[in-house]
Amino acid sequence: MGTDIPEDDPIILFDGVCNLCHGFVQFVVPRDTEGQFHFASLQSDVGQQLLADHGLEGHDLDSVVLIEGGETYVKSGAVIRIASLLGGVYRLLGPTRYLPRRLRDWAYDLVAEHRYRLFGQKEQCMMPTGNVQERFLE
């Protein structure tokens, strides 16, 4: 797996033991036809380093974070920005960024709080396979 952390490419940090987050990554990978996204689990050393580098290590981040250049997106903001970068029909989520962030993040937090109960939990972080493997930072 890759060890170099890209400076400008978008990096998705996800909960590596959450089935919902794993499903989200599995959703993004085939739709990222340009291979622009890199991935790391929040639990990995790289994930922890990236959180620290962007001043997020003490925050209650428990599912998806997007780091894009010097910008960070968390919770609903991360999902909306990822959809925008994927383009196509996924850009339709873009206007939801105009909803009050408290409302968007409330809905996000509700799902995140119950994600293990609703979607299950893995015993260990997912391991990528195939040509996507080099886009996972570990």
N, C-alpha and C. Protein backbone atom coordinates (compact mmCIF):
# COMPACT_ATOMS: atom_id res chain seq x y z
N MET A 1 0.84 -1.17 0.00
CA MET A 1 0.00 0.00 0.00
C MET A 1 0.88 1.23 0.00
N GLY A 2 0.32 2.32 -0.53
CA GLY A 2 1.10 3.54 -0.65
C GLY A 2 1.45 4.12 0.71
N THR A 3 2.65 4.75 0.79
CA THR A 3 3.04 5.38 2.04
C THR A 3 3.16 6.88 1.89
N ASP A 4 3.29 7.37 0.65
CA ASP A 4 3.37 8.81 0.43
C ASP A 4 1.98 9.41 0.58
N ILE A 5 1.91 10.50 1.31
CA ILE A 5 0.64 11.19 1.48
C ILE A 5 0.57 12.29 0.41
N PRO A 6 -0.41 12.20 -0.48
CA PRO A 6 -0.51 13.23 -1.53
C PRO A 6 -0.82 14.59 -0.93
N GLU A 7 -0.22 15.63 -1.50
CA GLU A 7 -0.40 16.98 -0.97
C GLU A 7 -1.74 17.60 -1.36
N ASP A 8 -2.14 17.41 -2.62
CA ASP A 8 -3.31 18.13 -3.12
C ASP A 8 -4.50 17.24 -3.45
N ASP A 9 -4.28 15.95 -3.66
CA ASP A 9 -5.39 15.06 -3.99
C ASP A 9 -6.31 14.91 -2.79
N PRO A 10 -7.61 14.79 -3.03
CA PRO A 10 -8.54 14.62 -1.91
C PRO A 10 -8.33 13.26 -1.23
N ILE A 11 -8.36 13.28 0.08
CA ILE A 11 -8.19 12.07 0.89
C ILE A 11 -9.43 11.89 1.75
N ILE A 12 -10.03 10.72 1.65
CA ILE A 12 -11.19 10.39 2.47
C ILE A 12 -10.72 9.55 3.64
N LEU A 13 -10.97 10.04 4.85
CA LEU A 13 -10.71 9.29 6.07
C LEU A 13 -12.04 8.69 6.51
N PHE A 14 -12.04 7.41 6.84
CA PHE A 14 -13.28 6.72 7.18
C PHE A 14 -13.04 5.80 8.36
N ASP A 15 -14.12 5.46 9.05
CA ASP A 15 -14.07 4.50 10.15
C ASP A 15 -13.87 3.12 9.55
N GLY A 16 -12.69 2.56 9.74
CA GLY A 16 -12.33 1.31 9.08
C GLY A 16 -13.06 0.08 9.58
N VAL A 17 -13.76 0.16 10.69
CA VAL A 17 -14.48 -1.01 11.20
C VAL A 17 -15.99 -0.86 11.07
N CYS A 18 -16.44 0.21 10.43
CA CYS A 18 -17.87 0.48 10.28
C CYS A 18 -18.34 -0.02 8.92
N ASN A 19 -19.36 -0.87 8.91
CA ASN A 19 -19.89 -1.39 7.66
C ASN A 19 -20.48 -0.29 6.77
N LEU A 20 -21.13 0.70 7.37
CA LEU A 20 -21.68 1.81 6.59
C LEU A 20 -20.55 2.59 5.91
N CYS A 21 -19.49 2.89 6.66
CA CYS A 21 -18.36 3.64 6.10
C CYS A 21 -17.66 2.82 5.02
N HIS A 22 -17.51 1.53 5.26
CA HIS A 22 -16.93 0.62 4.26
C HIS A 22 -17.78 0.66 3.00
N GLY A 23 -19.09 0.62 3.16
CA GLY A 23 -20.00 0.70 2.02
C GLY A 23 -19.88 2.02 1.29
N PHE A 24 -19.66 3.10 2.03
CA PHE A 24 -19.48 4.41 1.40
C PHE A 24 -18.22 4.42 0.54
N VAL A 25 -17.13 3.87 1.06
CA VAL A 25 -15.89 3.79 0.28
C VAL A 25 -16.12 2.92 -0.95
N GLN A 26 -16.81 1.79 -0.78
CA GLN A 26 -17.09 0.90 -1.91
C GLN A 26 -18.00 1.59 -2.94
N PHE A 27 -18.80 2.54 -2.50
CA PHE A 27 -19.64 3.33 -3.40
C PHE A 27 -18.79 4.32 -4.18
N VAL A 28 -17.86 4.99 -3.51
CA VAL A 28 -17.05 6.03 -4.14
C VAL A 28 -16.08 5.44 -5.16
N VAL A 29 -15.41 4.35 -4.81
CA VAL A 29 -14.32 3.83 -5.65
C VAL A 29 -14.72 3.64 -7.12
N PRO A 30 -15.79 2.92 -7.45
CA PRO A 30 -16.09 2.73 -8.88
C PRO A 30 -16.59 4.00 -9.57
N ARG A 31 -17.06 4.96 -8.81
CA ARG A 31 -17.58 6.20 -9.39
C ARG A 31 -16.49 7.26 -9.54
N ASP A 32 -15.35 7.01 -8.94
CA ASP A 32 -14.20 7.91 -9.02
C ASP A 32 -13.38 7.49 -10.24
N THR A 33 -13.92 7.75 -11.42
CA THR A 33 -13.32 7.25 -12.65
C THR A 33 -11.95 7.86 -12.93
N GLU A 34 -11.67 9.03 -12.37
CA GLU A 34 -10.37 9.65 -12.55
C GLU A 34 -9.35 9.21 -11.50
N GLY A 35 -9.79 8.43 -10.53
CA GLY A 35 -8.88 7.98 -9.47
C GLY A 35 -8.32 9.11 -8.65
N GLN A 36 -9.13 10.13 -8.41
CA GLN A 36 -8.66 11.31 -7.69
C GLN A 36 -8.59 11.12 -6.18
N PHE A 37 -9.45 10.26 -5.63
CA PHE A 37 -9.51 10.10 -4.18
C PHE A 37 -8.49 9.08 -3.69
N HIS A 38 -7.93 9.39 -2.52
CA HIS A 38 -7.12 8.45 -1.76
C HIS A 38 -7.90 8.18 -0.48
N PHE A 39 -7.57 7.09 0.20
CA PHE A 39 -8.34 6.66 1.35
C PHE A 39 -7.41 6.25 2.49
N ALA A 40 -7.87 6.48 3.72
CA ALA A 40 -7.17 5.98 4.90
C ALA A 40 -8.20 5.83 6.01
N SER A 41 -8.03 4.81 6.82
CA SER A 41 -8.95 4.66 7.94
C SER A 41 -8.57 5.63 9.04
N LEU A 42 -9.57 6.07 9.78
CA LEU A 42 -9.33 6.96 10.92
C LEU A 42 -8.43 6.30 11.95
N GLN A 43 -8.49 4.97 12.02
CA GLN A 43 -7.73 4.24 13.03
C GLN A 43 -6.26 4.06 12.66
N SER A 44 -5.92 4.25 11.39
CA SER A 44 -4.55 4.01 10.94
C SER A 44 -3.61 5.10 11.40
N ASP A 45 -2.31 4.81 11.38
CA ASP A 45 -1.31 5.81 11.72
C ASP A 45 -1.40 7.01 10.78
N VAL A 46 -1.59 6.73 9.48
CA VAL A 46 -1.71 7.81 8.50
C VAL A 46 -2.94 8.66 8.80
N GLY A 47 -4.07 8.01 9.10
CA GLY A 47 -5.28 8.74 9.43
C GLY A 47 -5.09 9.62 10.65
N GLN A 48 -4.45 9.09 11.69
CA GLN A 48 -4.20 9.87 12.90
C GLN A 48 -3.25 11.03 12.62
N GLN A 49 -2.23 10.78 11.76
CA GLN A 49 -1.29 11.84 11.40
C GLN A 49 -2.00 12.95 10.63
N LEU A 50 -2.86 12.58 9.68
CA LEU A 50 -3.58 13.57 8.90
C LEU A 50 -4.52 14.40 9.79
N LEU A 51 -5.20 13.74 10.72
CA LEU A 51 -6.07 14.47 11.65
C LEU A 51 -5.25 15.48 12.46
N ALA A 52 -4.10 15.02 12.97
CA ALA A 52 -3.25 15.91 13.76
C ALA A 52 -2.72 17.06 12.91
N ASP A 53 -2.29 16.76 11.69
CA ASP A 53 -1.75 17.79 10.79
C ASP A 53 -2.77 18.87 10.48
N HIS A 54 -4.05 18.52 10.53
CA HIS A 54 -5.10 19.48 10.20
C HIS A 54 -5.87 19.95 11.43
N GLY A 55 -5.30 19.72 12.62
CA GLY A 55 -5.90 20.23 13.85
C GLY A 55 -7.21 19.58 14.22
N LEU A 56 -7.41 18.32 13.81
CA LEU A 56 -8.68 17.64 14.07
C LEU A 56 -8.55 16.49 15.07
N GLU A 57 -7.38 16.31 15.66
CA GLU A 57 -7.18 15.13 16.50
C GLU A 57 -8.07 15.08 17.74
N GLY A 58 -8.50 16.21 18.25
CA GLY A 58 -9.33 16.20 19.46
C GLY A 58 -10.82 16.27 19.18
N HIS A 59 -11.19 16.30 17.90
CA HIS A 59 -12.60 16.44 17.55
C HIS A 59 -13.30 15.09 17.57
N ASP A 60 -14.59 15.14 17.71
CA ASP A 60 -15.41 13.93 17.74
C ASP A 60 -15.74 13.52 16.30
N LEU A 61 -14.74 12.98 15.61
CA LEU A 61 -14.92 12.57 14.22
C LEU A 61 -14.99 11.06 14.21
N ASP A 62 -16.13 10.55 13.79
CA ASP A 62 -16.28 9.11 13.90
C ASP A 62 -16.75 8.41 12.63
N SER A 63 -16.77 9.09 11.50
CA SER A 63 -17.07 8.31 10.31
C SER A 63 -16.40 8.80 9.04
N VAL A 64 -16.69 9.97 8.50
CA VAL A 64 -16.07 10.40 7.24
C VAL A 64 -15.51 11.81 7.36
N VAL A 65 -14.26 11.97 6.93
CA VAL A 65 -13.59 13.26 6.88
C VAL A 65 -12.97 13.37 5.49
N LEU A 66 -13.04 14.53 4.88
CA LEU A 66 -12.39 14.77 3.60
C LEU A 66 -11.33 15.84 3.80
N ILE A 67 -10.11 15.52 3.35
CA ILE A 67 -9.03 16.49 3.36
C ILE A 67 -8.68 16.75 1.90
N GLU A 68 -8.76 18.01 1.50
CA GLU A 68 -8.51 18.38 0.12
C GLU A 68 -7.58 19.59 0.12
N GLY A 69 -6.30 19.36 -0.18
CA GLY A 69 -5.33 20.44 -0.08
C GLY A 69 -5.28 20.93 1.36
N GLY A 70 -5.48 22.21 1.56
CA GLY A 70 -5.47 22.77 2.91
C GLY A 70 -6.85 22.80 3.56
N GLU A 71 -7.86 22.35 2.85
CA GLU A 71 -9.23 22.38 3.36
C GLU A 71 -9.61 21.05 4.00
N THR A 72 -10.43 21.12 5.05
CA THR A 72 -10.98 19.91 5.65
C THR A 72 -12.49 20.04 5.69
N TYR A 73 -13.13 18.92 5.46
CA TYR A 73 -14.59 18.84 5.49
C TYR A 73 -14.95 17.69 6.42
N VAL A 74 -15.92 17.93 7.28
CA VAL A 74 -16.34 16.89 8.22
C VAL A 74 -17.84 16.69 8.11
N LYS A 75 -18.26 15.54 8.55
CA LYS A 75 -19.68 15.19 8.64
C LYS A 75 -20.38 15.44 7.31
N SER A 76 -21.52 16.13 7.33
CA SER A 76 -22.30 16.33 6.11
C SER A 76 -21.52 17.12 5.07
N GLY A 77 -20.67 18.04 5.51
CA GLY A 77 -19.87 18.83 4.58
C GLY A 77 -18.95 17.95 3.76
N ALA A 78 -18.40 16.89 4.39
CA ALA A 78 -17.52 15.96 3.67
C ALA A 78 -18.31 15.19 2.61
N VAL A 79 -19.48 14.70 2.97
CA VAL A 79 -20.30 13.93 2.03
C VAL A 79 -20.71 14.79 0.83
N ILE A 80 -21.11 16.03 1.10
CA ILE A 80 -21.54 16.93 0.03
C ILE A 80 -20.37 17.26 -0.89
N ARG A 81 -19.19 17.53 -0.33
CA ARG A 81 -18.02 17.86 -1.15
C ARG A 81 -17.57 16.65 -1.97
N ILE A 82 -17.60 15.47 -1.39
CA ILE A 82 -17.23 14.25 -2.13
C ILE A 82 -18.18 14.06 -3.31
N ALA A 83 -19.48 14.23 -3.06
CA ALA A 83 -20.46 14.11 -4.14
C ALA A 83 -20.18 15.11 -5.25
N SER A 84 -19.83 16.32 -4.87
CA SER A 84 -19.52 17.37 -5.85
C SER A 84 -18.30 16.99 -6.68
N LEU A 85 -17.28 16.46 -6.04
CA LEU A 85 -16.06 16.06 -6.76
C LEU A 85 -16.31 14.86 -7.67
N LEU A 86 -17.23 13.99 -7.29
CA LEU A 86 -17.57 12.85 -8.15
C LEU A 86 -18.24 13.33 -9.43
N GLY A 87 -18.96 14.44 -9.34
CA GLY A 87 -19.60 15.01 -10.51
C GLY A 87 -20.84 14.25 -10.92
N GLY A 88 -21.28 14.49 -12.14
CA GLY A 88 -22.47 13.82 -12.66
C GLY A 88 -23.68 14.06 -11.79
N VAL A 89 -24.50 13.04 -11.69
CA VAL A 89 -25.74 13.13 -10.93
C VAL A 89 -25.48 13.40 -9.44
N TYR A 90 -24.30 13.05 -8.95
CA TYR A 90 -23.99 13.24 -7.53
C TYR A 90 -23.87 14.71 -7.16
N ARG A 91 -23.65 15.56 -8.16
CA ARG A 91 -23.61 17.00 -7.91
C ARG A 91 -24.95 17.52 -7.41
N LEU A 92 -26.00 16.75 -7.61
CA LEU A 92 -27.33 17.18 -7.15
C LEU A 92 -27.38 17.35 -5.63
N LEU A 93 -26.45 16.74 -4.92
CA LEU A 93 -26.38 16.95 -3.46
C LEU A 93 -25.83 18.33 -3.13
N GLY A 94 -25.15 18.97 -4.08
CA GLY A 94 -24.51 20.25 -3.85
C GLY A 94 -25.39 21.30 -3.19
N PRO A 95 -26.61 21.52 -3.69
CA PRO A 95 -27.46 22.56 -3.08
C PRO A 95 -27.80 22.30 -1.61
N THR A 96 -27.67 21.06 -1.12
CA THR A 96 -27.95 20.80 0.29
C THR A 96 -26.97 21.52 1.20
N ARG A 97 -25.85 21.99 0.63
CA ARG A 97 -24.89 22.73 1.46
C ARG A 97 -25.49 24.05 1.94
N TYR A 98 -26.57 24.49 1.30
CA TYR A 98 -27.22 25.73 1.72
C TYR A 98 -28.20 25.52 2.87
N LEU A 99 -28.50 24.28 3.19
CA LEU A 99 -29.29 24.00 4.39
C LEU A 99 -28.44 24.37 5.61
N PRO A 100 -29.06 24.75 6.69
CA PRO A 100 -28.27 25.07 7.89
C PRO A 100 -27.41 23.87 8.29
N ARG A 101 -26.12 24.16 8.54
CA ARG A 101 -25.19 23.08 8.88
C ARG A 101 -25.65 22.31 10.12
N ARG A 102 -26.26 23.00 11.06
CA ARG A 102 -26.75 22.30 12.27
C ARG A 102 -27.76 21.23 11.89
N LEU A 103 -28.64 21.53 10.95
CA LEU A 103 -29.65 20.57 10.51
C LEU A 103 -28.99 19.40 9.76
N ARG A 104 -28.09 19.73 8.82
CA ARG A 104 -27.39 18.68 8.06
C ARG A 104 -26.61 17.78 9.00
N ASP A 105 -25.85 18.38 9.92
CA ASP A 105 -25.02 17.59 10.82
C ASP A 105 -25.85 16.83 11.85
N TRP A 106 -27.02 17.34 12.21
CA TRP A 106 -27.90 16.61 13.12
C TRP A 106 -28.31 15.28 12.46
N ALA A 107 -28.73 15.35 11.19
CA ALA A 107 -29.11 14.14 10.47
C ALA A 107 -27.91 13.21 10.32
N TYR A 108 -26.75 13.77 10.00
CA TYR A 108 -25.53 12.98 9.86
C TYR A 108 -25.19 12.29 11.19
N ASP A 109 -25.22 13.07 12.27
CA ASP A 109 -24.89 12.51 13.59
C ASP A 109 -25.87 11.43 14.02
N LEU A 110 -27.13 11.58 13.67
CA LEU A 110 -28.13 10.58 14.01
C LEU A 110 -27.77 9.23 13.37
N VAL A 111 -27.43 9.26 12.10
CA VAL A 111 -27.01 8.03 11.42
C VAL A 111 -25.70 7.52 12.01
N ALA A 112 -24.72 8.41 12.20
CA ALA A 112 -23.41 8.02 12.72
C ALA A 112 -23.53 7.38 14.11
N GLU A 113 -24.40 7.94 14.94
CA GLU A 113 -24.55 7.43 16.31
C GLU A 113 -25.06 5.99 16.33
N HIS A 114 -25.88 5.66 15.36
CA HIS A 114 -26.51 4.33 15.34
C HIS A 114 -25.95 3.42 14.25
N ARG A 115 -24.86 3.82 13.60
CA ARG A 115 -24.37 3.07 12.44
C ARG A 115 -23.95 1.65 12.77
N TYR A 116 -23.33 1.42 13.91
CA TYR A 116 -22.91 0.05 14.25
C TYR A 116 -24.13 -0.84 14.48
N ARG A 117 -25.13 -0.30 15.17
CA ARG A 117 -26.33 -1.08 15.45
C ARG A 117 -27.11 -1.36 14.17
N LEU A 118 -27.22 -0.34 13.30
CA LEU A 118 -28.00 -0.49 12.08
C LEU A 118 -27.27 -1.26 10.98
N PHE A 119 -25.97 -1.03 10.85
CA PHE A 119 -25.23 -1.59 9.72
C PHE A 119 -24.17 -2.60 10.12
N GLY A 120 -23.91 -2.75 11.41
CA GLY A 120 -22.92 -3.71 11.87
C GLY A 120 -21.52 -3.13 11.93
N GLN A 121 -20.62 -3.98 12.42
CA GLN A 121 -19.25 -3.56 12.66
C GLN A 121 -18.33 -4.70 12.25
N LYS A 122 -17.18 -4.36 11.69
CA LYS A 122 -16.20 -5.35 11.28
C LYS A 122 -15.24 -5.63 12.44
N GLU A 123 -14.63 -6.80 12.40
CA GLU A 123 -13.64 -7.14 13.41
C GLU A 123 -12.34 -6.37 13.19
N GLN A 124 -12.05 -6.02 11.92
CA GLN A 124 -10.83 -5.30 11.60
C GLN A 124 -11.09 -4.37 10.43
N CYS A 125 -10.15 -3.46 10.18
CA CYS A 125 -10.29 -2.52 9.08
C CYS A 125 -10.30 -3.26 7.75
N MET A 126 -11.03 -2.69 6.79
CA MET A 126 -11.10 -3.31 5.47
C MET A 126 -9.74 -3.26 4.80
N MET A 127 -9.45 -4.25 4.00
CA MET A 127 -8.22 -4.30 3.22
C MET A 127 -8.59 -4.16 1.75
N PRO A 128 -8.07 -3.16 1.07
CA PRO A 128 -8.40 -2.96 -0.34
C PRO A 128 -7.76 -4.02 -1.21
N THR A 129 -8.34 -4.23 -2.37
CA THR A 129 -7.80 -5.20 -3.31
C THR A 129 -7.72 -4.57 -4.69
N GLY A 130 -7.06 -5.24 -5.59
CA GLY A 130 -7.00 -4.83 -6.98
C GLY A 130 -6.28 -3.52 -7.19
N ASN A 131 -6.67 -2.82 -8.27
CA ASN A 131 -5.96 -1.60 -8.64
C ASN A 131 -6.28 -0.42 -7.74
N VAL A 132 -7.19 -0.59 -6.79
CA VAL A 132 -7.51 0.48 -5.85
C VAL A 132 -6.53 0.49 -4.68
N GLN A 133 -5.83 -0.60 -4.50
CA GLN A 133 -4.96 -0.77 -3.34
C GLN A 133 -3.94 0.36 -3.20
N GLU A 134 -3.38 0.84 -4.32
CA GLU A 134 -2.37 1.89 -4.21
C GLU A 134 -2.95 3.23 -3.79
N ARG A 135 -4.27 3.37 -3.79
CA ARG A 135 -4.90 4.62 -3.37
C ARG A 135 -5.21 4.63 -1.87
N PHE A 136 -4.95 3.51 -1.19
CA PHE A 136 -5.14 3.44 0.25
C PHE A 136 -3.82 3.76 0.93
N LEU A 137 -3.85 4.70 1.85
CA LEU A 137 -2.67 5.16 2.55
C LEU A 137 -2.59 4.47 3.90
N GLU A 138 -1.56 3.74 4.12
CA GLU A 138 -1.41 3.04 5.41
C GLU A 138 0.01 3.17 5.92
